[in-house]
Amino acid sequence: MPNDFHPNPASRNVIKPFLMGAVVVALAIGGLALLSEAFASGGQTVYLANIEPGGKDVPTQPSIVVTGAGGASAPAEQAVVQLLIGRPAPFSQGFAAGSPAPTANEGVGSISPVIEAIRSVGVDDGAIEIVSSPSLISVCTNSAQCSAVLVEVRLDRPNLSGLNAIVNAAGEAAGKQELTVQDVGVGYRIADCRPLRDRARIAAAADARARAEAQASALGVQLGTLVVSSETAPDEPEDGNGCTPVQGSNTDAWWTPGSVGLSVPSFDPQGAPEVVVGLQVTLAYAIGEAPS
């Protein structure tokens, strides 16, 4: 008698749903991967699969995903000016204290005329701070023969002409004392950044919507329902007023490893004293029926 094997029809019925479920899961994973790629792609158009495992078939819902950018600005309410001033002499606390004359072994001028020059352009004494530390060696090729001080000036309601007046006066006075202004920075602040962030968000969402409409027009389709919205997180944590901390760039520490430089961005003598907030918003729209 032939020993033929005949599969059980019931087992076939079990295998078919299993295979169908595996296909659904694979398509869902692929759709999520496309979504992640779209959010990181800077606004490119992709098609996403909206999987419905409960349906008889495996339908897809094409979508358009775009990223919009928006920004808002406001005049600065406060400015922090930093001047990193170097001298060809070893570190000395007396120099940073504003001694009127150098000691015999220092051979360079005093920081006092620099501070007096800053005062002469209308800066109050209480708004000026001198920071001295051996760690301020970022301006020195040979730290044993060089040192620096950081002069910090705080201003309310700053304007560009006043900022340039401070920098120019300090630079001229430093040159007369055989000192060098090696780096200049300024950080701008406002009390509450939340209104700026709201305006930037509205602008970013409008930009994303416009990009989505342009994509739909180029594809010859209609823009459907909004299905996903996301916002890029700020690079730094915000304070209670929605403001991120003002920070200097890595290049402000010059070339000496481990040294300390500016803690605010580099000063632009032509840049408006303002606070700027930028946001990115990503939107995903379903694709509707093509217009007839």
Protein backbone atom coordinates (compact mmCIF):
# COMPACT_ATOMS: atom_id res chain seq x y z
CA MET A 1 0.00 0.00 0.00
CA PRO A 2 1.56 3.38 -0.92
CA ASN A 3 2.54 5.43 2.05
CA ASP A 4 1.46 8.83 0.67
CA PHE A 5 1.31 11.79 3.03
CA HIS A 6 -1.69 14.07 2.67
CA PRO A 7 -1.53 17.39 4.59
CA ASN A 8 -4.35 18.08 6.93
CA PRO A 9 -6.58 20.79 5.42
CA ALA A 10 -6.99 22.27 8.89
CA SER A 11 -3.23 22.93 9.11
CA ARG A 12 -3.37 24.84 5.87
CA ASN A 13 -6.06 27.08 7.31
CA VAL A 14 -3.82 27.85 10.31
CA ILE A 15 -0.75 28.65 8.20
CA LYS A 16 -2.50 31.12 5.92
CA PRO A 17 -3.53 33.59 8.67
CA PHE A 18 -0.07 33.26 10.19
CA LEU A 19 1.61 34.23 6.92
CA MET A 20 -0.81 37.08 6.43
CA GLY A 21 -0.05 38.39 9.93
CA ALA A 22 3.69 38.24 9.25
CA VAL A 23 3.24 40.30 6.08
CA VAL A 24 1.20 42.90 7.98
CA VAL A 25 3.85 43.24 10.69
CA ALA A 26 6.64 43.58 8.11
CA LEU A 27 4.77 46.31 6.25
CA ALA A 28 4.05 48.16 9.50
CA ILE A 29 7.73 48.13 10.46
CA GLY A 30 8.64 49.40 7.02
CA GLY A 31 6.15 52.23 7.35
CA LEU A 32 7.56 53.32 10.69
CA ALA A 33 11.08 53.26 9.26
CA LEU A 34 9.99 55.56 6.44
CA LEU A 35 8.38 57.93 8.93
CA SER A 36 11.57 58.15 11.01
CA GLU A 37 13.62 58.79 7.89
CA ALA A 38 11.22 61.48 6.77
CA PHE A 39 11.48 63.38 10.04
CA ALA A 40 15.29 63.43 9.73
CA SER A 41 15.39 64.24 6.00
CA GLY A 42 14.71 67.98 6.15
CA GLY A 43 11.32 68.03 4.50
CA GLN A 44 11.50 65.46 1.70
CA THR A 45 8.33 63.77 0.47
CA VAL A 46 7.75 60.11 1.32
CA TYR A 47 4.83 57.69 1.18
CA LEU A 48 3.75 55.99 4.37
CA ALA A 49 1.76 52.78 4.78
CA ASN A 50 -1.16 52.95 7.21
CA ILE A 51 -1.64 49.23 8.01
CA GLU A 52 -5.02 47.96 9.13
CA PRO A 53 -4.53 44.33 10.28
CA GLY A 54 -8.26 43.93 10.95
CA GLY A 55 -9.22 44.44 7.31
CA LYS A 56 -9.70 41.71 4.71
CA ASP A 57 -6.92 43.14 2.56
CA VAL A 58 -3.79 45.17 3.40
CA PRO A 59 -4.70 48.76 2.41
CA THR A 60 -2.20 51.61 2.37
CA GLN A 61 -2.73 55.32 2.91
CA PRO A 62 -0.10 57.42 1.08
CA SER A 63 1.03 60.52 2.96
CA ILE A 64 3.11 63.64 2.45
CA VAL A 65 5.61 64.51 5.19
CA VAL A 66 7.29 67.94 5.26
CA THR A 67 9.35 70.00 7.71
CA GLY A 68 8.87 73.74 8.02
CA ALA A 69 11.13 76.30 9.67
CA GLY A 70 10.08 79.47 11.44
CA GLY A 71 11.75 82.18 13.49
CA ALA A 72 10.97 85.28 15.51
CA SER A 73 13.14 88.04 16.97
CA ALA A 74 12.90 90.86 19.50
CA PRO A 75 15.26 93.66 20.58
CA ALA A 76 17.60 92.56 23.36
CA GLU A 77 16.72 93.80 26.83
CA GLN A 78 20.21 93.11 28.17
CA ALA A 79 23.66 92.55 26.68
CA VAL A 80 26.72 90.93 28.26
CA VAL A 81 29.94 92.10 26.58
CA GLN A 82 33.14 90.14 27.19
CA LEU A 83 36.65 91.27 26.24
CA LEU A 84 39.51 88.79 26.60
CA ILE A 85 42.60 90.97 27.05
CA GLY A 86 46.08 89.44 26.91
CA ARG A 87 49.46 90.75 27.95
CA PRO A 88 53.04 89.48 27.45
CA ALA A 89 53.68 88.78 31.14
CA PRO A 90 52.96 86.01 33.66
CA PHE A 91 49.75 85.86 35.65
CA SER A 92 49.36 88.51 38.34
CA GLN A 93 46.41 89.20 40.63
CA GLY A 94 47.62 92.77 41.04
CA PHE A 95 47.23 93.37 37.30
CA ALA A 96 43.63 92.16 37.33
CA ALA A 97 42.89 94.35 40.37
CA GLY A 98 43.67 97.39 38.25
CA SER A 99 47.00 98.43 39.77
CA PRO A 100 47.90 101.86 38.39
CA ALA A 101 51.40 100.79 37.41
CA PRO A 102 53.08 97.46 36.61
CA THR A 103 55.65 95.90 38.87
CA ALA A 104 59.28 95.89 37.79
CA ASN A 105 59.20 92.30 36.49
CA GLU A 106 55.97 92.69 34.52
CA GLY A 107 57.14 95.21 31.95
CA VAL A 108 53.66 95.98 30.62
CA GLY A 109 51.01 98.58 31.23
CA SER A 110 48.00 98.58 33.52
CA ILE A 111 44.44 97.42 32.95
CA SER A 112 43.19 100.58 34.68
CA PRO A 113 43.21 102.78 31.53
CA VAL A 114 41.13 100.15 29.75
CA ILE A 115 38.51 100.19 32.49
CA GLU A 116 38.57 104.00 32.54
CA ALA A 117 38.01 104.07 28.78
CA ILE A 118 34.94 101.86 29.18
CA ARG A 119 33.61 104.18 31.87
CA SER A 120 34.17 107.18 29.60
CA VAL A 121 31.55 105.96 27.11
CA GLY A 122 28.82 105.93 29.75
CA VAL A 123 29.18 102.58 31.53
CA ASP A 124 28.63 102.57 35.31
CA ASP A 125 31.25 101.07 37.62
CA GLY A 126 28.76 98.49 38.90
CA ALA A 127 28.28 97.13 35.38
CA ILE A 128 31.97 96.25 34.93
CA GLU A 129 33.58 93.06 36.26
CA ILE A 130 37.18 91.88 35.88
CA VAL A 131 37.79 88.13 35.97
CA SER A 132 41.34 86.93 36.53
CA SER A 133 42.54 83.34 36.54
CA PRO A 134 45.53 81.30 35.31
CA SER A 135 42.99 79.28 33.33
CA LEU A 136 42.53 82.24 30.98
CA ILE A 137 45.46 81.15 28.83
CA SER A 138 43.53 80.72 25.62
CA VAL A 139 45.30 83.70 24.03
CA CYS A 140 48.82 82.49 24.78
CA THR A 141 51.24 80.50 22.67
CA ASN A 142 53.48 80.19 25.71
CA SER A 143 51.49 80.31 28.95
CA ALA A 144 54.59 81.00 31.05
CA GLN A 145 55.15 84.31 29.25
CA CYS A 146 51.54 85.36 28.77
CA SER A 147 48.37 85.86 30.76
CA ALA A 148 44.93 87.36 30.30
CA VAL A 149 41.97 88.91 32.06
CA LEU A 150 38.33 88.81 31.09
CA VAL A 151 36.52 92.14 31.29
CA GLU A 152 32.74 91.75 31.40
CA VAL A 153 30.28 94.61 30.89
CA ARG A 154 26.51 94.34 31.40
CA LEU A 155 24.18 96.76 29.64
CA ASP A 156 20.43 97.30 29.73
CA ARG A 157 18.59 98.17 26.51
CA PRO A 158 21.74 97.88 24.36
CA ASN A 159 22.16 99.50 20.96
CA LEU A 160 24.77 98.76 18.31
CA SER A 161 26.51 102.12 18.44
CA GLY A 162 26.94 101.87 22.22
CA LEU A 163 28.35 98.34 21.98
CA ASN A 164 30.86 99.38 19.33
CA ALA A 165 31.84 102.40 21.42
CA ILE A 166 32.75 100.11 24.34
CA VAL A 167 34.76 97.72 22.19
CA ASN A 168 36.60 100.50 20.34
CA ALA A 169 37.43 102.44 23.50
CA ALA A 170 38.75 99.32 25.23
CA GLY A 171 40.81 98.31 22.20
CA GLU A 172 42.42 101.72 21.83
CA ALA A 173 43.28 101.97 25.53
CA ALA A 174 44.66 98.43 25.57
CA GLY A 175 46.97 99.14 22.64
CA LYS A 176 48.49 102.12 24.46
CA GLN A 177 49.28 99.81 27.41
CA GLU A 178 50.94 97.09 25.28
CA LEU A 179 47.89 94.90 25.83
CA THR A 180 45.87 93.10 23.18
CA VAL A 181 42.12 92.56 22.92
CA GLN A 182 42.29 88.98 21.66
CA ASP A 183 38.59 88.15 21.61
CA VAL A 184 35.30 90.01 21.90
CA GLY A 185 31.91 88.45 22.50
CA VAL A 186 28.39 89.53 23.38
CA GLY A 187 25.34 87.65 24.56
CA TYR A 188 21.82 89.06 24.20
CA ARG A 189 18.91 88.29 26.52
CA ILE A 190 15.24 89.07 27.06
CA ALA A 191 13.19 88.37 30.18
CA ASP A 192 10.62 86.05 28.56
CA CYS A 193 11.22 84.01 25.39
CA ARG A 194 7.84 82.25 25.35
CA PRO A 195 6.05 84.81 23.12
CA LEU A 196 8.93 84.56 20.65
CA ARG A 197 8.74 80.77 20.69
CA ASP A 198 4.99 80.89 20.05
CA ARG A 199 5.48 83.16 17.05
CA ALA A 200 8.26 80.95 15.70
CA ARG A 201 6.04 77.86 16.07
CA ILE A 202 3.19 79.49 14.15
CA ALA A 203 5.58 80.52 11.40
CA ALA A 204 7.12 77.03 11.20
CA ALA A 205 3.71 75.34 10.99
CA ALA A 206 2.60 77.74 8.25
CA ASP A 207 5.82 77.05 6.34
CA ALA A 208 5.28 73.29 6.62
CA ARG A 209 1.69 73.63 5.43
CA ALA A 210 2.80 75.68 2.42
CA ARG A 211 5.46 73.11 1.56
CA ALA A 212 2.90 70.30 1.81
CA GLU A 213 0.50 72.15 -0.51
CA ALA A 214 3.32 72.69 -3.01
CA GLN A 215 4.22 69.00 -2.88
CA ALA A 216 0.60 67.99 -3.43
CA SER A 217 0.35 70.33 -6.39
CA ALA A 218 3.53 68.92 -7.90
CA LEU A 219 2.22 65.38 -7.47
CA GLY A 220 -1.17 66.24 -8.89
CA VAL A 221 -3.05 65.17 -5.78
CA GLN A 222 -5.11 66.80 -3.06
CA LEU A 223 -3.83 67.40 0.46
CA GLY A 224 -5.83 65.32 2.92
CA THR A 225 -6.19 65.25 6.69
CA LEU A 226 -3.30 66.16 9.01
CA VAL A 227 -2.25 62.89 10.67
CA VAL A 228 1.09 63.66 12.40
CA SER A 229 2.69 66.76 13.90
CA SER A 230 6.06 66.94 15.66
CA GLU A 231 8.46 69.65 16.80
CA THR A 232 12.25 69.59 17.05
CA ALA A 233 13.44 69.82 20.65
CA PRO A 234 15.84 72.68 21.57
CA ASP A 235 19.54 71.86 21.70
CA GLU A 236 19.76 73.07 25.31
CA PRO A 237 17.21 72.89 28.15
CA GLU A 238 15.05 75.98 28.49
CA ASP A 239 14.54 77.94 31.70
CA GLY A 240 11.15 78.75 33.19
CA ASN A 241 10.71 81.61 30.72
CA GLY A 242 11.40 79.50 27.64
CA CYS A 243 14.92 80.85 27.08
CA THR A 244 17.94 78.69 26.28
CA PRO A 245 21.28 79.61 27.92
CA VAL A 246 23.63 81.95 26.08
CA GLN A 247 26.83 80.08 25.26
CA GLY A 248 30.06 80.69 23.40
CA SER A 249 31.34 78.45 20.64
CA ASN A 250 34.27 76.05 20.99
CA THR A 251 36.40 78.26 18.76
CA ASP A 252 36.27 81.03 21.36
CA ALA A 253 38.85 79.17 23.46
CA TRP A 254 41.47 79.60 20.71
CA TRP A 255 44.06 76.87 20.33
CA THR A 256 45.15 76.00 23.87
CA PRO A 257 43.59 72.69 25.04
CA GLY A 258 41.75 72.97 28.34
CA SER A 259 41.79 76.76 28.48
CA VAL A 260 38.78 78.99 29.07
CA GLY A 261 37.63 81.57 26.57
CA LEU A 262 34.42 83.50 26.06
CA SER A 263 31.16 82.23 27.50
CA VAL A 264 29.09 84.22 24.99
CA PRO A 265 29.02 84.20 21.15
CA SER A 266 31.52 86.26 19.17
CA PHE A 267 30.58 89.90 18.69
CA ASP A 268 29.36 91.02 15.27
CA PRO A 269 29.97 94.80 15.03
CA GLN A 270 27.29 95.02 12.32
CA GLY A 271 24.71 92.65 13.82
CA ALA A 272 21.56 94.02 15.41
CA PRO A 273 21.36 93.48 19.20
CA GLU A 274 18.39 91.12 19.25
CA VAL A 275 17.30 87.73 20.48
CA VAL A 276 16.33 85.25 17.78
CA VAL A 277 14.32 82.05 18.33
CA GLY A 278 13.98 79.38 15.64
CA LEU A 279 11.85 76.23 15.46
CA GLN A 280 11.21 73.33 13.10
CA VAL A 281 7.80 71.66 12.81
CA THR A 282 7.16 68.43 10.88
CA LEU A 283 3.68 67.69 9.53
CA ALA A 284 2.32 64.58 7.82
CA TYR A 285 -0.80 64.84 5.65
CA ALA A 286 -2.81 62.05 4.12
CA ILE A 287 -3.02 62.20 0.34
CA GLY A 288 -6.59 62.67 -0.88
CA GLU A 289 -8.16 61.77 -4.18
CA ALA A 290 -6.59 63.26 -7.29
CA PRO A 291 -8.63 66.17 -8.61
CA SER A 292 -10.87 65.24 -11.52
